[in-house]
């Protein structure tokens, strides 16, 4: 093999290595963008769930069930459901948020659970964020 042929072969191999490295970098960039989007939606779900529990903690305990009942469509639940529709894949019948309120026996404490679900395009299953807190009646 002559010198020119060897140089051409080395240049071809270097170009191939550079192309493979570039494709790997593009794959990592795509993964990073997906992770940032997932983190954004998770943070928004956390804010929604936390703010709902905070609103429940200052609401009169006698009206909690009525205000945050998903089946009855209380005002607090309607507000949460409306805000949750800003998340991807959330609609009135799809990935709707859920709230559960349980009164503790023999006391005035209430346990509230809020679960937010969303589904990004292309995901096979919904993502969920849940929070549970004990609310003390005032």
N, C-alpha and C. Protein backbone atom coordinates (compact mmCIF):
# COMPACT_ATOMS: atom_id res chain seq x y z
N UNK A 1 0.85 -1.16 0.00
CA UNK A 1 0.00 0.00 0.00
C UNK A 1 0.90 1.23 0.00
N UNK A 2 0.52 2.22 -0.79
CA UNK A 2 1.35 3.42 -0.84
C UNK A 2 0.94 4.40 0.26
N UNK A 3 1.67 5.45 0.38
CA UNK A 3 1.47 6.43 1.45
C UNK A 3 0.14 7.16 1.29
N UNK A 4 -0.21 7.49 0.07
CA UNK A 4 -1.47 8.19 -0.15
C UNK A 4 -2.66 7.34 0.24
N UNK A 5 -2.63 6.09 -0.06
CA UNK A 5 -3.72 5.17 0.30
C UNK A 5 -3.85 5.03 1.80
N UNK A 6 -2.72 4.96 2.50
CA UNK A 6 -2.74 4.84 3.96
C UNK A 6 -3.32 6.11 4.59
N UNK A 7 -2.93 7.27 4.06
CA UNK A 7 -3.45 8.54 4.59
C UNK A 7 -4.95 8.63 4.37
N UNK A 8 -5.42 8.21 3.18
CA UNK A 8 -6.85 8.24 2.87
C UNK A 8 -7.63 7.31 3.79
N UNK A 9 -7.08 6.14 4.07
CA UNK A 9 -7.72 5.20 4.98
C UNK A 9 -7.77 5.76 6.40
N UNK A 10 -6.71 6.41 6.87
CA UNK A 10 -6.70 7.02 8.20
C UNK A 10 -7.73 8.15 8.30
N UNK A 11 -7.86 8.94 7.24
CA UNK A 11 -8.83 10.02 7.23
C UNK A 11 -10.25 9.47 7.26
N UNK A 12 -10.49 8.38 6.56
CA UNK A 12 -11.80 7.76 6.54
C UNK A 12 -12.17 7.20 7.92
N UNK A 13 -11.21 6.56 8.57
CA UNK A 13 -11.45 6.02 9.92
C UNK A 13 -11.69 7.16 10.91
N UNK A 14 -10.93 8.24 10.81
CA UNK A 14 -11.12 9.38 11.71
C UNK A 14 -12.50 10.01 11.51
N UNK A 15 -12.95 10.10 10.26
CA UNK A 15 -14.27 10.64 9.97
C UNK A 15 -15.36 9.74 10.55
N UNK A 16 -15.18 8.43 10.44
CA UNK A 16 -16.13 7.48 10.99
C UNK A 16 -16.20 7.60 12.52
N UNK A 17 -15.07 7.71 13.18
CA UNK A 17 -15.04 7.87 14.64
C UNK A 17 -15.72 9.18 15.05
N UNK A 18 -15.46 10.24 14.32
CA UNK A 18 -16.09 11.52 14.62
C UNK A 18 -17.61 11.46 14.42
N UNK A 19 -18.06 10.76 13.37
CA UNK A 19 -19.50 10.63 13.12
C UNK A 19 -20.17 9.83 14.23
N UNK A 20 -19.56 8.76 14.70
CA UNK A 20 -20.12 7.96 15.78
C UNK A 20 -20.18 8.77 17.07
N UNK A 21 -19.13 9.54 17.35
CA UNK A 21 -19.12 10.38 18.55
C UNK A 21 -20.20 11.45 18.48
N UNK A 22 -20.40 12.03 17.31
CA UNK A 22 -21.44 13.05 17.13
C UNK A 22 -22.82 12.45 17.34
N UNK A 23 -23.07 11.26 16.81
CA UNK A 23 -24.36 10.60 17.02
C UNK A 23 -24.59 10.29 18.50
N UNK A 24 -23.55 9.87 19.19
CA UNK A 24 -23.67 9.63 20.63
C UNK A 24 -24.00 10.90 21.39
N UNK A 25 -23.37 12.00 21.02
CA UNK A 25 -23.64 13.29 21.66
C UNK A 25 -25.07 13.75 21.38
N UNK A 26 -25.55 13.54 20.17
CA UNK A 26 -26.94 13.89 19.85
C UNK A 26 -27.93 13.04 20.65
N UNK A 27 -27.61 11.77 20.84
CA UNK A 27 -28.46 10.89 21.65
C UNK A 27 -28.52 11.36 23.09
N UNK A 28 -27.37 11.75 23.64
CA UNK A 28 -27.34 12.26 25.01
C UNK A 28 -28.10 13.58 25.13
N UNK A 29 -28.02 14.43 24.13
CA UNK A 29 -28.74 15.70 24.14
C UNK A 29 -30.25 15.45 24.13
N UNK A 30 -30.70 14.51 23.33
CA UNK A 30 -32.12 14.17 23.29
C UNK A 30 -32.59 13.64 24.64
N UNK A 31 -31.80 12.79 25.25
CA UNK A 31 -32.12 12.26 26.56
C UNK A 31 -32.19 13.37 27.60
N UNK A 32 -31.27 14.32 27.53
CA UNK A 32 -31.26 15.44 28.47
C UNK A 32 -32.50 16.31 28.30
N UNK A 33 -32.90 16.55 27.06
CA UNK A 33 -34.10 17.36 26.81
C UNK A 33 -35.33 16.66 27.36
N UNK A 34 -35.45 15.35 27.17
CA UNK A 34 -36.57 14.59 27.71
C UNK A 34 -36.58 14.65 29.24
N UNK A 35 -35.41 14.55 29.85
CA UNK A 35 -35.32 14.59 31.30
C UNK A 35 -35.72 15.95 31.85
N UNK A 36 -35.34 17.01 31.16
CA UNK A 36 -35.72 18.36 31.59
C UNK A 36 -37.23 18.53 31.50
N UNK A 37 -37.83 18.04 30.42
CA UNK A 37 -39.29 18.14 30.27
C UNK A 37 -39.98 17.35 31.38
N UNK A 38 -39.50 16.15 31.67
CA UNK A 38 -40.10 15.34 32.73
C UNK A 38 -39.96 16.04 34.08
N UNK A 39 -38.82 16.63 34.35
CA UNK A 39 -38.61 17.35 35.61
C UNK A 39 -39.54 18.56 35.71
N UNK A 40 -39.76 19.21 34.60
CA UNK A 40 -40.66 20.37 34.60
C UNK A 40 -42.07 19.96 34.96
N UNK A 41 -42.58 18.90 34.32
CA UNK A 41 -43.94 18.46 34.59
C UNK A 41 -44.06 17.92 36.01
N UNK A 42 -43.04 17.25 36.48
CA UNK A 42 -43.07 16.73 37.86
C UNK A 42 -43.10 17.89 38.86
N UNK A 43 -42.32 18.93 38.59
CA UNK A 43 -42.31 20.09 39.48
C UNK A 43 -43.67 20.79 39.48
N UNK A 44 -44.29 20.90 38.31
CA UNK A 44 -45.61 21.52 38.25
C UNK A 44 -46.66 20.68 38.99
N UNK A 45 -46.56 19.36 38.87
CA UNK A 45 -47.49 18.49 39.60
C UNK A 45 -47.27 18.62 41.10
N UNK A 46 -46.02 18.72 41.52
CA UNK A 46 -45.71 18.88 42.95
C UNK A 46 -46.27 20.20 43.48
N UNK A 47 -46.15 21.26 42.71
CA UNK A 47 -46.69 22.55 43.14
C UNK A 47 -48.21 22.48 43.24
N UNK A 48 -48.86 21.87 42.26
CA UNK A 48 -50.32 21.74 42.30
C UNK A 48 -50.78 20.94 43.52
N UNK A 49 -50.14 19.80 43.75
CA UNK A 49 -50.54 18.95 44.88
C UNK A 49 -50.26 19.65 46.21
N UNK A 50 -49.10 20.26 46.34
CA UNK A 50 -48.74 20.92 47.59
C UNK A 50 -49.64 22.12 47.88
N UNK A 51 -49.93 22.89 46.85
CA UNK A 51 -50.78 24.06 47.07
C UNK A 51 -52.21 23.63 47.41
N UNK A 52 -52.67 22.53 46.84
CA UNK A 52 -54.00 22.04 47.18
C UNK A 52 -54.06 21.60 48.64
N UNK A 53 -53.04 20.87 49.09
CA UNK A 53 -53.00 20.45 50.49
C UNK A 53 -52.89 21.67 51.41
N UNK A 54 -52.13 22.68 50.99
CA UNK A 54 -52.02 23.90 51.80
C UNK A 54 -53.37 24.61 51.90
N UNK A 55 -54.11 24.66 50.80
CA UNK A 55 -55.44 25.28 50.83
C UNK A 55 -56.39 24.47 51.70
N UNK A 56 -56.24 23.16 51.67
CA UNK A 56 -57.08 22.31 52.51
C UNK A 56 -56.77 22.52 53.99
N UNK A 57 -55.52 22.81 54.30
CA UNK A 57 -55.14 22.96 55.71
C UNK A 57 -55.72 24.22 56.34
N UNK A 58 -56.07 25.21 55.54
CA UNK A 58 -56.66 26.43 56.09
C UNK A 58 -58.17 26.50 55.89
N UNK A 59 -58.73 25.51 55.23
CA UNK A 59 -60.18 25.48 55.01
C UNK A 59 -60.87 24.95 56.27
N UNK A 60 -62.08 25.33 56.50
CA UNK A 60 -62.82 24.78 57.64
C UNK A 60 -62.98 23.27 57.49
N UNK A 61 -62.65 22.51 58.52
CA UNK A 61 -62.72 21.04 58.43
C UNK A 61 -64.11 20.52 58.10
N UNK A 62 -65.14 21.26 58.48
CA UNK A 62 -66.50 20.79 58.22
C UNK A 62 -66.86 20.81 56.73
N UNK A 63 -66.12 21.59 55.94
CA UNK A 63 -66.45 21.69 54.52
C UNK A 63 -65.45 20.99 53.61
N UNK A 64 -64.47 20.32 54.18
CA UNK A 64 -63.42 19.69 53.35
C UNK A 64 -63.99 18.68 52.35
N UNK A 65 -64.82 17.78 52.86
CA UNK A 65 -65.36 16.75 51.96
C UNK A 65 -66.16 17.37 50.82
N UNK A 66 -66.97 18.34 51.13
CA UNK A 66 -67.81 18.96 50.09
C UNK A 66 -66.99 19.77 49.10
N UNK A 67 -65.98 20.49 49.60
CA UNK A 67 -65.18 21.35 48.72
C UNK A 67 -64.21 20.57 47.84
N UNK A 68 -63.72 19.43 48.32
CA UNK A 68 -62.68 18.69 47.59
C UNK A 68 -63.12 17.30 47.16
N UNK A 69 -64.41 17.08 47.07
CA UNK A 69 -64.94 15.79 46.65
C UNK A 69 -64.89 15.68 45.12
N UNK A 70 -64.11 14.72 44.59
CA UNK A 70 -64.04 14.57 43.13
C UNK A 70 -65.38 14.14 42.53
N UNK A 71 -66.12 13.29 43.22
CA UNK A 71 -67.40 12.81 42.68
C UNK A 71 -68.46 13.92 42.67
N UNK A 72 -68.46 14.73 43.72
CA UNK A 72 -69.45 15.79 43.82
C UNK A 72 -69.06 17.06 43.10
N UNK A 73 -67.81 17.13 42.67
CA UNK A 73 -67.35 18.31 41.94
C UNK A 73 -67.29 19.56 42.79
N UNK A 74 -66.72 19.43 44.00
CA UNK A 74 -66.58 20.58 44.88
C UNK A 74 -65.71 21.66 44.25
N UNK A 75 -65.84 22.88 44.78
CA UNK A 75 -65.11 24.03 44.22
C UNK A 75 -63.60 23.83 44.27
N UNK A 76 -63.09 23.30 45.37
CA UNK A 76 -61.65 23.07 45.49
C UNK A 76 -61.15 22.04 44.49
N UNK A 77 -61.93 20.97 44.31
CA UNK A 77 -61.54 19.96 43.34
C UNK A 77 -61.61 20.50 41.91
N UNK A 78 -62.64 21.27 41.61
CA UNK A 78 -62.76 21.84 40.27
C UNK A 78 -61.58 22.75 39.95
N UNK A 79 -61.13 23.52 40.95
CA UNK A 79 -59.98 24.40 40.74
C UNK A 79 -58.72 23.57 40.46
N UNK A 80 -58.53 22.50 41.22
CA UNK A 80 -57.37 21.63 41.00
C UNK A 80 -57.44 20.98 39.63
N UNK A 81 -58.60 20.46 39.26
CA UNK A 81 -58.76 19.80 37.96
C UNK A 81 -58.52 20.77 36.82
N UNK A 82 -58.95 22.00 36.98
CA UNK A 82 -58.74 23.01 35.94
C UNK A 82 -57.25 23.31 35.78
N UNK A 83 -56.54 23.47 36.88
CA UNK A 83 -55.11 23.75 36.80
C UNK A 83 -54.32 22.54 36.30
N UNK A 84 -54.77 21.34 36.65
CA UNK A 84 -54.07 20.13 36.22
C UNK A 84 -54.14 19.93 34.72
N UNK A 85 -55.12 20.54 34.06
CA UNK A 85 -55.24 20.37 32.62
C UNK A 85 -54.13 21.07 31.85
N UNK A 86 -53.29 21.83 32.55
CA UNK A 86 -52.12 22.43 31.90
C UNK A 86 -51.00 21.41 31.75
N UNK A 87 -51.10 20.28 32.44
CA UNK A 87 -50.12 19.21 32.30
C UNK A 87 -50.44 18.41 31.03
N UNK A 88 -49.42 17.82 30.41
CA UNK A 88 -49.70 17.06 29.18
C UNK A 88 -50.50 15.79 29.46
N UNK A 89 -51.44 15.51 28.59
CA UNK A 89 -52.21 14.27 28.68
C UNK A 89 -53.30 14.30 29.74
N UNK A 90 -53.61 15.47 30.28
CA UNK A 90 -54.67 15.57 31.30
C UNK A 90 -55.88 16.24 30.67
N UNK A 91 -57.01 15.57 30.79
CA UNK A 91 -58.28 16.11 30.31
C UNK A 91 -59.34 15.72 31.34
N UNK A 92 -60.56 16.09 31.09
CA UNK A 92 -61.64 15.84 32.05
C UNK A 92 -61.76 14.37 32.41
N UNK A 93 -61.65 13.48 31.45
CA UNK A 93 -61.80 12.06 31.73
C UNK A 93 -60.49 11.28 31.71
N UNK A 94 -59.41 11.93 31.38
CA UNK A 94 -58.13 11.26 31.25
C UNK A 94 -57.13 11.84 32.25
N UNK A 95 -56.55 10.98 33.05
CA UNK A 95 -55.53 11.37 34.03
C UNK A 95 -56.02 12.49 34.95
N UNK A 96 -57.27 12.44 35.32
CA UNK A 96 -57.82 13.46 36.22
C UNK A 96 -57.18 13.31 37.61
N UNK A 97 -56.97 14.41 38.32
CA UNK A 97 -56.39 14.31 39.66
C UNK A 97 -57.37 13.64 40.62
N UNK A 98 -56.84 13.09 41.70
CA UNK A 98 -57.71 12.48 42.70
C UNK A 98 -57.36 13.03 44.08
N UNK A 99 -58.38 13.16 44.90
CA UNK A 99 -58.24 13.63 46.27
C UNK A 99 -58.98 12.65 47.17
N UNK A 100 -58.33 12.26 48.25
CA UNK A 100 -58.98 11.39 49.25
C UNK A 100 -58.84 12.06 50.61
N UNK A 101 -59.94 12.11 51.33
CA UNK A 101 -59.96 12.71 52.66
C UNK A 101 -60.45 11.66 53.63
N UNK A 102 -59.67 11.43 54.69
CA UNK A 102 -60.04 10.44 55.70
C UNK A 102 -59.97 11.08 57.08
N UNK A 103 -61.04 10.98 57.81
CA UNK A 103 -61.06 11.50 59.18
C UNK A 103 -60.49 10.44 60.10
N UNK A 104 -59.66 10.88 61.03
CA UNK A 104 -59.10 9.95 62.01
C UNK A 104 -60.10 9.74 63.14
N UNK A 105 -60.16 8.51 63.60
CA UNK A 105 -61.12 8.17 64.65
C UNK A 105 -60.78 8.87 65.96
N UNK A 106 -61.79 9.41 66.60
CA UNK A 106 -61.65 9.99 67.92
C UNK A 106 -60.95 11.33 67.98
N UNK A 107 -60.70 11.95 66.88
CA UNK A 107 -60.02 13.23 66.91
C UNK A 107 -60.52 14.16 65.82
N UNK A 108 -59.92 15.30 65.80
CA UNK A 108 -60.33 16.27 64.80
C UNK A 108 -59.34 16.32 63.64
N UNK A 109 -58.38 15.39 63.61
CA UNK A 109 -57.38 15.38 62.54
C UNK A 109 -57.95 14.71 61.29
N UNK A 110 -57.48 15.18 60.17
CA UNK A 110 -57.92 14.67 58.88
C UNK A 110 -56.66 14.36 58.07
N UNK A 111 -56.68 13.25 57.34
CA UNK A 111 -55.59 12.92 56.43
C UNK A 111 -56.06 13.20 55.01
N UNK A 112 -55.30 14.00 54.30
CA UNK A 112 -55.64 14.35 52.92
C UNK A 112 -54.58 13.81 51.98
N UNK A 113 -55.02 13.17 50.91
CA UNK A 113 -54.12 12.64 49.88
C UNK A 113 -54.50 13.27 48.54
N UNK A 114 -53.50 13.76 47.84
CA UNK A 114 -53.72 14.35 46.52
C UNK A 114 -52.79 13.63 45.54
N UNK A 115 -53.35 13.18 44.43
CA UNK A 115 -52.54 12.51 43.40
C UNK A 115 -52.79 13.18 42.07
N UNK A 116 -51.68 13.55 41.43
CA UNK A 116 -51.71 14.20 40.12
C UNK A 116 -51.07 13.24 39.11
N UNK A 117 -51.71 13.06 37.98
CA UNK A 117 -51.17 12.20 36.91
C UNK A 117 -51.06 13.02 35.63
N UNK A 118 -50.06 12.68 34.82
CA UNK A 118 -49.90 13.31 33.51
C UNK A 118 -49.20 12.32 32.60
N UNK A 119 -49.30 12.54 31.31
CA UNK A 119 -48.68 11.63 30.35
C UNK A 119 -48.17 12.42 29.16
N UNK A 120 -46.86 12.41 29.00
CA UNK A 120 -46.25 13.10 27.88
C UNK A 120 -46.50 12.33 26.60
N UNK A 121 -46.56 13.02 25.47
CA UNK A 121 -46.74 12.32 24.19
C UNK A 121 -45.63 11.29 23.98
N UNK A 122 -46.02 10.11 23.59
CA UNK A 122 -45.06 9.04 23.35
C UNK A 122 -44.81 8.16 24.56
N UNK A 123 -45.26 8.56 25.75
CA UNK A 123 -45.10 7.73 26.94
C UNK A 123 -46.15 6.63 26.93
N UNK A 124 -45.76 5.45 27.39
CA UNK A 124 -46.69 4.33 27.40
C UNK A 124 -47.58 4.31 28.65
N UNK A 125 -47.11 4.91 29.72
CA UNK A 125 -47.88 4.93 30.97
C UNK A 125 -47.83 6.33 31.57
N UNK A 126 -48.85 6.69 32.33
CA UNK A 126 -48.83 8.03 32.94
C UNK A 126 -47.83 8.11 34.09
N UNK A 127 -47.35 9.31 34.33
CA UNK A 127 -46.49 9.59 35.47
C UNK A 127 -47.41 10.08 36.60
N UNK A 128 -46.99 9.85 37.85
CA UNK A 128 -47.83 10.25 38.98
C UNK A 128 -47.00 10.95 40.04
N UNK A 129 -47.64 11.91 40.67
CA UNK A 129 -47.07 12.55 41.85
C UNK A 129 -48.14 12.54 42.92
N UNK A 130 -47.80 12.05 44.11
CA UNK A 130 -48.78 11.97 45.19
C UNK A 130 -48.20 12.59 46.46
N UNK A 131 -49.08 13.20 47.23
CA UNK A 131 -48.70 13.78 48.51
C UNK A 131 -49.81 13.46 49.51
N UNK A 132 -49.40 13.19 50.74
CA UNK A 132 -50.35 12.91 51.80
C UNK A 132 -49.93 13.70 53.02
N UNK A 133 -50.91 14.30 53.69
CA UNK A 133 -50.58 15.13 54.85
C UNK A 133 -51.69 15.03 55.88
N UNK A 134 -51.31 15.15 57.14
CA UNK A 134 -52.27 15.18 58.22
C UNK A 134 -52.65 16.62 58.49
N UNK A 135 -53.93 16.90 58.42
CA UNK A 135 -54.42 18.25 58.67
C UNK A 135 -55.07 18.27 60.05
N UNK A 136 -54.73 19.25 60.86
CA UNK A 136 -55.28 19.38 62.19
C UNK A 136 -56.39 20.42 62.15
N UNK A 137 -57.53 20.06 62.67
CA UNK A 137 -58.67 21.00 62.67
C UNK A 137 -58.37 22.16 63.60
N UNK A 138 -58.82 23.32 63.22
CA UNK A 138 -58.60 24.51 64.03
C UNK A 138 -59.86 24.98 64.67
